[in-house]
Amino acid sequence: MLFYAEALKQNKPQFVLIDERKLLYSWIPENQEWIDLVITPISLELELKKHAIIQNEDIFLAVAVEQLMNETNAKNLTTRFFEDFEEAEKWLLKK
């Protein structure tokens, strides 16, 4: 996750697409809190415009990611969840 934070800082993207279809583990509450306190403020500081997440088919993993995006800081990000890449990409590029 620190690599992701550094990539955000270096590249300063306007849009981010995260593909979680191959995620093998659930985000435990401690990791969710850490992401909200460390990673999300970077996204907010960089004024990330849109954040698309392609969800895992496993309902428990998908719910964990949705919970993560409902953390205090993450609520300030414009985020949508998708089932496939094309749909997510289309939304990110739509003006």
N, C-alpha and C. Protein backbone atom coordinates (compact mmCIF):
# COMPACT_ATOMS: atom_id res chain seq x y z
N MET A 1 0.81 -1.20 0.00
CA MET A 1 0.00 0.00 0.00
C MET A 1 0.85 1.27 0.00
N LEU A 2 2.03 1.20 0.59
CA LEU A 2 2.89 2.39 0.57
C LEU A 2 3.34 2.69 -0.85
N PHE A 3 3.52 1.65 -1.67
CA PHE A 3 3.87 1.84 -3.08
C PHE A 3 2.76 2.62 -3.79
N TYR A 4 1.52 2.27 -3.49
CA TYR A 4 0.37 2.97 -4.07
C TYR A 4 0.38 4.44 -3.66
N ALA A 5 0.65 4.71 -2.40
CA ALA A 5 0.71 6.08 -1.90
C ALA A 5 1.80 6.87 -2.62
N GLU A 6 2.96 6.27 -2.80
CA GLU A 6 4.05 6.95 -3.50
C GLU A 6 3.71 7.17 -4.97
N ALA A 7 3.05 6.21 -5.60
CA ALA A 7 2.65 6.36 -7.00
C ALA A 7 1.65 7.51 -7.14
N LEU A 8 0.73 7.64 -6.20
CA LEU A 8 -0.21 8.76 -6.23
C LEU A 8 0.55 10.09 -6.16
N LYS A 9 1.47 10.19 -5.24
CA LYS A 9 2.22 11.43 -5.05
C LYS A 9 3.04 11.79 -6.28
N GLN A 10 3.67 10.79 -6.87
CA GLN A 10 4.53 11.04 -8.03
C GLN A 10 3.74 11.37 -9.30
N ASN A 11 2.64 10.65 -9.53
CA ASN A 11 1.92 10.79 -10.79
C ASN A 11 0.76 11.79 -10.74
N LYS A 12 0.27 12.06 -9.56
CA LYS A 12 -0.84 13.02 -9.38
C LYS A 12 -1.99 12.80 -10.38
N PRO A 13 -2.57 11.60 -10.36
CA PRO A 13 -3.65 11.31 -11.32
C PRO A 13 -4.94 12.05 -10.97
N GLN A 14 -5.77 12.25 -11.98
CA GLN A 14 -7.10 12.79 -11.74
C GLN A 14 -8.10 11.68 -11.49
N PHE A 15 -7.80 10.51 -12.04
CA PHE A 15 -8.70 9.36 -11.95
C PHE A 15 -7.90 8.13 -11.53
N VAL A 16 -8.55 7.26 -10.76
CA VAL A 16 -7.91 6.02 -10.35
C VAL A 16 -8.90 4.88 -10.57
N LEU A 17 -8.40 3.80 -11.15
CA LEU A 17 -9.20 2.59 -11.33
C LEU A 17 -8.50 1.47 -10.58
N ILE A 18 -9.20 0.88 -9.63
CA ILE A 18 -8.65 -0.23 -8.84
C ILE A 18 -9.43 -1.49 -9.19
N ASP A 19 -8.71 -2.50 -9.64
CA ASP A 19 -9.32 -3.77 -10.03
C ASP A 19 -9.11 -4.76 -8.89
N GLU A 20 -10.19 -5.07 -8.19
CA GLU A 20 -10.10 -5.97 -7.04
C GLU A 20 -10.65 -7.36 -7.35
N ARG A 21 -10.81 -7.68 -8.63
CA ARG A 21 -11.38 -8.99 -9.00
C ARG A 21 -10.51 -10.15 -8.56
N LYS A 22 -9.21 -9.92 -8.42
CA LYS A 22 -8.32 -11.01 -8.01
C LYS A 22 -7.85 -10.88 -6.56
N LEU A 23 -8.52 -10.02 -5.82
CA LEU A 23 -8.20 -9.85 -4.40
C LEU A 23 -8.46 -11.17 -3.68
N LEU A 24 -7.48 -11.62 -2.91
CA LEU A 24 -7.58 -12.93 -2.26
C LEU A 24 -7.91 -12.86 -0.77
N TYR A 25 -7.94 -11.66 -0.22
CA TYR A 25 -8.19 -11.53 1.21
C TYR A 25 -9.08 -10.32 1.47
N SER A 26 -9.72 -10.35 2.59
CA SER A 26 -10.60 -9.25 2.98
C SER A 26 -9.81 -8.19 3.72
N TRP A 27 -10.24 -6.95 3.60
CA TRP A 27 -9.61 -5.87 4.34
C TRP A 27 -10.09 -5.93 5.79
N ILE A 28 -9.18 -6.23 6.70
CA ILE A 28 -9.55 -6.27 8.12
C ILE A 28 -9.75 -4.84 8.61
N PRO A 29 -10.51 -4.65 9.67
CA PRO A 29 -10.80 -3.29 10.16
C PRO A 29 -9.56 -2.43 10.40
N GLU A 30 -8.48 -3.01 10.90
CA GLU A 30 -7.25 -2.24 11.15
C GLU A 30 -6.68 -1.70 9.83
N ASN A 31 -6.71 -2.52 8.77
CA ASN A 31 -6.22 -2.07 7.46
C ASN A 31 -7.14 -1.00 6.88
N GLN A 32 -8.44 -1.18 7.07
CA GLN A 32 -9.40 -0.18 6.58
C GLN A 32 -9.12 1.17 7.23
N GLU A 33 -8.90 1.16 8.53
CA GLU A 33 -8.64 2.40 9.25
C GLU A 33 -7.32 3.03 8.78
N TRP A 34 -6.29 2.20 8.59
CA TRP A 34 -4.99 2.70 8.14
C TRP A 34 -5.12 3.35 6.76
N ILE A 35 -5.83 2.71 5.85
CA ILE A 35 -6.04 3.26 4.51
C ILE A 35 -6.76 4.60 4.61
N ASP A 36 -7.78 4.65 5.46
CA ASP A 36 -8.54 5.89 5.62
C ASP A 36 -7.69 7.02 6.20
N LEU A 37 -6.77 6.68 7.09
CA LEU A 37 -5.96 7.71 7.75
C LEU A 37 -4.68 8.07 6.99
N VAL A 38 -4.19 7.16 6.14
CA VAL A 38 -2.91 7.39 5.46
C VAL A 38 -3.09 7.60 3.95
N ILE A 39 -3.78 6.70 3.29
CA ILE A 39 -3.90 6.75 1.83
C ILE A 39 -4.96 7.77 1.38
N THR A 40 -6.12 7.73 1.99
CA THR A 40 -7.21 8.60 1.55
C THR A 40 -6.85 10.09 1.64
N PRO A 41 -6.19 10.55 2.71
CA PRO A 41 -5.81 11.97 2.73
C PRO A 41 -4.91 12.38 1.56
N ILE A 42 -4.09 11.48 1.08
CA ILE A 42 -3.25 11.78 -0.08
C ILE A 42 -4.14 12.00 -1.30
N SER A 43 -5.12 11.12 -1.49
CA SER A 43 -6.05 11.27 -2.61
C SER A 43 -6.82 12.58 -2.52
N LEU A 44 -7.22 12.94 -1.33
CA LEU A 44 -7.96 14.20 -1.13
C LEU A 44 -7.06 15.41 -1.38
N GLU A 45 -5.84 15.35 -0.90
CA GLU A 45 -4.89 16.44 -1.08
C GLU A 45 -4.59 16.66 -2.57
N LEU A 46 -4.51 15.57 -3.33
CA LEU A 46 -4.23 15.66 -4.76
C LEU A 46 -5.47 16.00 -5.57
N GLU A 47 -6.60 16.12 -4.89
CA GLU A 47 -7.88 16.43 -5.53
C GLU A 47 -8.24 15.41 -6.61
N LEU A 48 -8.09 14.15 -6.27
CA LEU A 48 -8.47 13.06 -7.16
C LEU A 48 -9.94 13.22 -7.51
N LYS A 49 -10.25 13.26 -8.80
CA LYS A 49 -11.62 13.56 -9.23
C LYS A 49 -12.56 12.35 -9.14
N LYS A 50 -12.09 11.20 -9.61
CA LYS A 50 -12.94 10.00 -9.59
C LYS A 50 -12.13 8.78 -9.21
N HIS A 51 -12.77 7.88 -8.54
CA HIS A 51 -12.16 6.68 -8.00
C HIS A 51 -13.08 5.52 -8.35
N ALA A 52 -12.70 4.69 -9.32
CA ALA A 52 -13.52 3.55 -9.74
C ALA A 52 -12.93 2.26 -9.18
N ILE A 53 -13.81 1.41 -8.66
CA ILE A 53 -13.37 0.13 -8.11
C ILE A 53 -14.14 -0.99 -8.79
N ILE A 54 -13.39 -1.90 -9.41
CA ILE A 54 -14.02 -3.09 -9.99
C ILE A 54 -14.05 -4.13 -8.88
N GLN A 55 -15.26 -4.53 -8.52
CA GLN A 55 -15.45 -5.38 -7.34
C GLN A 55 -15.13 -6.85 -7.60
N ASN A 56 -14.75 -7.50 -6.54
CA ASN A 56 -14.53 -8.93 -6.52
C ASN A 56 -15.88 -9.64 -6.54
N GLU A 57 -15.93 -10.81 -7.16
CA GLU A 57 -17.19 -11.57 -7.20
C GLU A 57 -17.58 -12.13 -5.83
N ASP A 58 -16.60 -12.31 -4.96
CA ASP A 58 -16.87 -12.81 -3.61
C ASP A 58 -17.58 -11.71 -2.83
N ILE A 59 -18.79 -11.97 -2.40
CA ILE A 59 -19.62 -10.97 -1.74
C ILE A 59 -18.97 -10.44 -0.46
N PHE A 60 -18.26 -11.28 0.27
CA PHE A 60 -17.63 -10.84 1.52
C PHE A 60 -16.48 -9.88 1.24
N LEU A 61 -15.70 -10.14 0.19
CA LEU A 61 -14.62 -9.24 -0.18
C LEU A 61 -15.18 -7.93 -0.72
N ALA A 62 -16.24 -8.00 -1.50
CA ALA A 62 -16.86 -6.79 -2.06
C ALA A 62 -17.41 -5.91 -0.94
N VAL A 63 -18.06 -6.52 0.04
CA VAL A 63 -18.63 -5.76 1.16
C VAL A 63 -17.51 -5.10 1.97
N ALA A 64 -16.41 -5.79 2.16
CA ALA A 64 -15.29 -5.21 2.92
C ALA A 64 -14.77 -3.96 2.23
N VAL A 65 -14.68 -3.99 0.91
CA VAL A 65 -14.21 -2.82 0.16
C VAL A 65 -15.23 -1.69 0.26
N GLU A 66 -16.51 -2.02 0.18
CA GLU A 66 -17.55 -0.99 0.32
C GLU A 66 -17.48 -0.36 1.71
N GLN A 67 -17.24 -1.18 2.73
CA GLN A 67 -17.10 -0.65 4.09
C GLN A 67 -15.90 0.29 4.17
N LEU A 68 -14.82 -0.09 3.52
CA LEU A 68 -13.62 0.74 3.51
C LEU A 68 -13.93 2.11 2.92
N MET A 69 -14.71 2.15 1.85
CA MET A 69 -15.03 3.42 1.20
C MET A 69 -16.06 4.23 1.99
N ASN A 70 -16.61 3.66 3.05
CA ASN A 70 -17.52 4.40 3.92
C ASN A 70 -16.84 4.92 5.18
N GLU A 71 -15.52 4.76 5.24
CA GLU A 71 -14.77 5.31 6.37
C GLU A 71 -14.86 6.84 6.31
N THR A 72 -14.51 7.49 7.39
CA THR A 72 -14.66 8.93 7.53
C THR A 72 -14.07 9.73 6.37
N ASN A 73 -12.79 9.57 6.09
CA ASN A 73 -12.14 10.35 5.03
C ASN A 73 -12.58 9.90 3.65
N ALA A 74 -12.76 8.60 3.47
CA ALA A 74 -13.10 8.05 2.16
C ALA A 74 -14.46 8.55 1.66
N LYS A 75 -15.33 8.94 2.57
CA LYS A 75 -16.64 9.46 2.17
C LYS A 75 -16.50 10.73 1.33
N ASN A 76 -15.36 11.38 1.41
CA ASN A 76 -15.13 12.62 0.66
C ASN A 76 -14.61 12.38 -0.75
N LEU A 77 -14.41 11.13 -1.12
CA LEU A 77 -13.96 10.79 -2.47
C LEU A 77 -15.17 10.46 -3.35
N THR A 78 -15.09 10.80 -4.62
CA THR A 78 -16.13 10.42 -5.57
C THR A 78 -15.79 9.02 -6.05
N THR A 79 -16.51 8.05 -5.54
CA THR A 79 -16.21 6.64 -5.80
C THR A 79 -17.44 5.91 -6.32
N ARG A 80 -17.22 5.04 -7.30
CA ARG A 80 -18.28 4.15 -7.78
C ARG A 80 -17.71 2.75 -7.91
N PHE A 81 -18.60 1.78 -7.75
CA PHE A 81 -18.22 0.38 -7.85
C PHE A 81 -18.75 -0.19 -9.16
N PHE A 82 -17.96 -1.07 -9.77
CA PHE A 82 -18.32 -1.65 -11.06
C PHE A 82 -18.04 -3.14 -11.08
N GLU A 83 -18.66 -3.80 -12.05
CA GLU A 83 -18.45 -5.23 -12.23
C GLU A 83 -17.44 -5.54 -13.32
N ASP A 84 -17.23 -4.59 -14.26
CA ASP A 84 -16.27 -4.85 -15.33
C ASP A 84 -15.46 -3.60 -15.67
N PHE A 85 -14.33 -3.85 -16.31
CA PHE A 85 -13.37 -2.81 -16.64
C PHE A 85 -13.95 -1.75 -17.57
N GLU A 86 -14.62 -2.17 -18.63
CA GLU A 86 -15.13 -1.24 -19.63
C GLU A 86 -16.11 -0.23 -19.02
N GLU A 87 -16.98 -0.72 -18.17
CA GLU A 87 -17.95 0.15 -17.51
C GLU A 87 -17.25 1.17 -16.62
N ALA A 88 -16.25 0.72 -15.86
CA ALA A 88 -15.50 1.61 -14.98
C ALA A 88 -14.72 2.65 -15.78
N GLU A 89 -14.07 2.21 -16.83
CA GLU A 89 -13.29 3.12 -17.68
C GLU A 89 -14.18 4.18 -18.32
N LYS A 90 -15.34 3.76 -18.80
CA LYS A 90 -16.29 4.69 -19.42
C LYS A 90 -16.71 5.77 -18.43
N TRP A 91 -17.00 5.39 -17.19
CA TRP A 91 -17.41 6.35 -16.17
C TRP A 91 -16.25 7.31 -15.83
N LEU A 92 -15.04 6.77 -15.72
CA LEU A 92 -13.90 7.62 -15.38
C LEU A 92 -13.66 8.68 -16.45
N LEU A 93 -13.82 8.32 -17.71
CA LEU A 93 -13.51 9.23 -18.80
C LEU A 93 -14.67 10.16 -19.19
N LYS A 94 -15.85 9.88 -18.64
CA LYS A 94 -17.02 10.72 -18.93
C LYS A 94 -16.84 12.08 -18.25
N LYS A 95 -17.12 13.14 -19.00
CA LYS A 95 -16.95 14.50 -18.45
C LYS A 95 -18.18 14.95 -17.72
